[in-house]
Structures are given as structure tokens and as C-alpha cells.
Amino acid sequence: MKKLKVARGSVIVTENSEGDEMYVVTSGKVKIYKTINQEKVHLAVLGKNAFFGEMCLLLGTPRTATVEALEETELLALTKDSLLKKIKTDSAFAERMLLTMAKRLKQADEIISKLEGEKRSLEVIYGVK
């Protein structure tokens, strides 16, 4: 684990980039966004004790969003080994991480369901599939 200080406006991770660390916000705030059709789509603002970058770290896939510091921010960077060690030694952290990931999955499912409903409505209105 290593500590990082990030200046306001700094990009911490970039969508579609490779990465081998996740981050825990120890102070400050970050915003998370995706770029869709050349527009920034706001996903979340995270503050103290929140984390990001876990999917890239755990799955070995590219980053799914860009993260930028909204103010001077301090982060704790965890590699896969340090994350697994933290999970084994800090059950409260492990529980918080699981709950957060479950909430994020639920939100993603709600968005998918809403989009599917909108798609079906357009199919009915315009008679296309």
C-alpha cells in the first residue's frame, strides 16, 4: 500500500486504460465519469473511505471510467496482493467493500432495466425492433 496526494483537477485514472491498483479515498473528493458520444456522463462523487478501481484490479480488465480529483485528495493505493491481505486482516473493510460492490451492482441493474424499458417503448411507438 502506498499513500498518494493528488491536486484538484488531476486525473487519477482514465477510462479504458490498464491498471494494477485500486484506491481508497482517505481525504478529499473525486468525481467519476464516462465519456459517451464525446460527452462526459457523471456517475458519482466519492469522498472519505470510498473506493474505486476494484473491477480493473480484480478482473484484470481496462478501467471502466475516468476519475478526477474535485479538490486536493489523499488516496491509499492498493495492489491486488495488498487488497487481499487487507481483506484477510480487516473484516470490517471486507464487509464494507462487499456491501458497496453489491449496491453498485444493484444500481447498474436498475439502469439496465430502465434502458430496456425505454427501448421497448420506442419499439412499440415506432414499430421497430
Protein backbone atom coordinates (compact mmCIF):
# COMPACT_ATOMS: atom_id res chain seq x y z
CA MET A 1 0.00 0.00 0.00
CA LYS A 2 1.15 3.49 -0.73
CA LYS A 3 -0.23 6.94 0.02
CA LEU A 4 -0.76 9.49 -2.73
CA LYS A 5 -1.59 13.20 -2.72
CA VAL A 6 -3.48 14.41 -5.76
CA ALA A 7 -4.06 18.05 -6.71
CA ARG A 8 -7.50 19.39 -7.57
CA GLY A 9 -8.32 18.73 -11.23
CA SER A 10 -5.82 15.90 -11.60
CA VAL A 11 -6.97 12.80 -13.46
CA ILE A 12 -6.23 9.75 -11.33
CA VAL A 13 -7.31 7.02 -13.74
CA THR A 14 -8.54 7.19 -17.33
CA GLU A 15 -11.33 5.17 -18.90
CA ASN A 16 -10.06 2.21 -20.98
CA SER A 17 -6.54 2.40 -19.51
CA GLU A 18 -4.85 -0.57 -17.88
CA GLY A 19 -4.21 -0.56 -14.15
CA ASP A 20 -2.88 -2.69 -11.34
CA GLU A 21 -4.09 -0.64 -8.35
CA MET A 22 -7.36 0.34 -6.71
CA TYR A 23 -7.75 3.37 -4.50
CA VAL A 24 -9.33 4.29 -1.17
CA VAL A 25 -10.08 7.99 -0.61
CA THR A 26 -8.63 8.98 2.78
CA SER A 27 -9.46 12.68 2.38
CA GLY A 28 -10.91 14.91 -0.32
CA LYS A 29 -13.36 14.10 -3.10
CA VAL A 30 -13.23 12.62 -6.59
CA LYS A 31 -15.70 12.56 -9.44
CA ILE A 32 -16.24 9.56 -11.67
CA TYR A 33 -17.44 9.86 -15.25
CA LYS A 34 -17.60 8.01 -18.55
CA THR A 35 -17.28 9.58 -21.96
CA ILE A 36 -20.17 8.59 -24.22
CA ASN A 37 -20.52 10.15 -27.69
CA GLN A 38 -17.85 12.69 -26.72
CA GLU A 39 -19.85 13.83 -23.67
CA LYS A 40 -18.87 13.37 -20.03
CA VAL A 41 -21.58 11.37 -18.26
CA HIS A 42 -21.41 11.90 -14.49
CA LEU A 43 -21.55 8.66 -12.49
CA ALA A 44 -20.64 9.54 -8.92
CA VAL A 45 -18.80 11.72 -6.43
CA LEU A 46 -16.85 9.79 -3.82
CA GLY A 47 -15.44 11.06 -0.54
CA LYS A 48 -13.62 9.79 2.51
CA ASN A 49 -13.47 5.97 2.90
CA ALA A 50 -14.94 5.34 -0.56
CA PHE A 51 -13.00 3.23 -3.04
CA PHE A 52 -12.69 2.88 -6.80
CA GLY A 53 -10.74 0.87 -9.34
CA GLU A 54 -11.59 -2.51 -7.82
CA MET A 55 -13.01 -4.03 -11.03
CA CYS A 56 -9.86 -3.35 -13.00
CA LEU A 57 -7.75 -4.76 -10.20
CA LEU A 58 -9.81 -7.88 -9.53
CA LEU A 59 -10.78 -8.74 -13.10
CA GLY A 60 -7.68 -7.58 -14.95
CA THR A 61 -9.82 -5.54 -17.35
CA PRO A 62 -9.35 -1.96 -18.55
CA ARG A 63 -10.72 0.90 -16.43
CA THR A 64 -14.44 1.47 -16.95
CA ALA A 65 -14.45 5.19 -16.12
CA THR A 66 -12.28 8.25 -15.57
CA VAL A 67 -11.68 9.53 -12.03
CA GLU A 68 -10.69 13.15 -11.36
CA ALA A 69 -9.91 14.92 -8.08
CA LEU A 70 -12.50 17.60 -7.22
CA GLU A 71 -10.22 19.01 -4.53
CA GLU A 72 -6.87 18.17 -3.04
CA THR A 73 -7.28 14.48 -2.29
CA GLU A 74 -5.32 11.83 -0.45
CA LEU A 75 -5.55 8.24 -1.60
CA LEU A 76 -4.37 4.87 -0.47
CA ALA A 77 -3.31 2.77 -3.47
CA LEU A 78 -3.68 -0.99 -3.12
CA THR A 79 -2.26 -3.66 -5.38
CA LYS A 80 -4.08 -6.98 -5.69
CA ASP A 81 -1.78 -8.55 -3.07
CA SER A 82 -2.24 -5.69 -0.61
CA LEU A 83 -6.03 -5.76 -1.15
CA LEU A 84 -6.24 -9.48 -0.44
CA LYS A 85 -4.09 -9.01 2.67
CA LYS A 86 -6.35 -6.14 3.85
CA ILE A 87 -9.47 -8.26 3.29
CA LYS A 88 -7.99 -11.15 5.30
CA THR A 89 -6.92 -8.96 8.22
CA ASP A 90 -9.75 -6.39 8.36
CA SER A 91 -13.20 -7.98 8.28
CA ALA A 92 -14.94 -4.60 8.65
CA PHE A 93 -13.19 -3.37 5.48
CA ALA A 94 -14.10 -6.59 3.66
CA GLU A 95 -17.76 -6.25 4.68
CA ARG A 96 -17.87 -2.57 3.66
CA MET A 97 -16.31 -3.42 0.30
CA LEU A 98 -18.80 -6.24 -0.37
CA LEU A 99 -21.78 -4.06 0.55
CA THR A 100 -20.55 -1.23 -1.65
CA MET A 101 -20.00 -3.56 -4.60
CA ALA A 102 -23.46 -5.09 -4.12
CA LYS A 103 -25.05 -1.61 -4.08
CA ARG A 104 -23.18 -0.66 -7.25
CA LEU A 105 -24.34 -3.86 -8.95
CA LYS A 106 -27.94 -3.12 -7.93
CA GLN A 107 -27.70 0.42 -9.34
CA ALA A 108 -26.29 -0.93 -12.60
CA ASP A 109 -29.14 -3.45 -12.81
CA GLU A 110 -31.71 -0.66 -12.26
CA ILE A 111 -30.14 1.40 -15.04
CA ILE A 112 -30.15 -1.59 -17.41
CA SER A 113 -33.80 -2.32 -16.60
CA LYS A 114 -34.75 1.33 -17.21
CA LEU A 115 -32.93 1.38 -20.54
CA GLU A 116 -34.57 -1.89 -21.58
CA GLY A 117 -37.99 -0.40 -20.75
CA GLU A 118 -37.22 2.71 -22.80
CA LYS A 119 -36.08 0.54 -25.71
CA ARG A 120 -39.32 -1.46 -25.60
CA SER A 121 -41.36 1.76 -25.51
CA LEU A 122 -39.61 3.03 -28.63
CA GLU A 123 -40.20 -0.31 -30.35
CA VAL A 124 -43.94 -0.04 -29.62
CA ILE A 125 -44.16 3.63 -30.64
CA TYR A 126 -42.20 3.23 -33.88
CA GLY A 127 -42.99 -0.43 -34.61
CA VAL A 128 -39.32 -1.41 -34.93
CA LYS A 129 -37.16 -3.98 -33.22
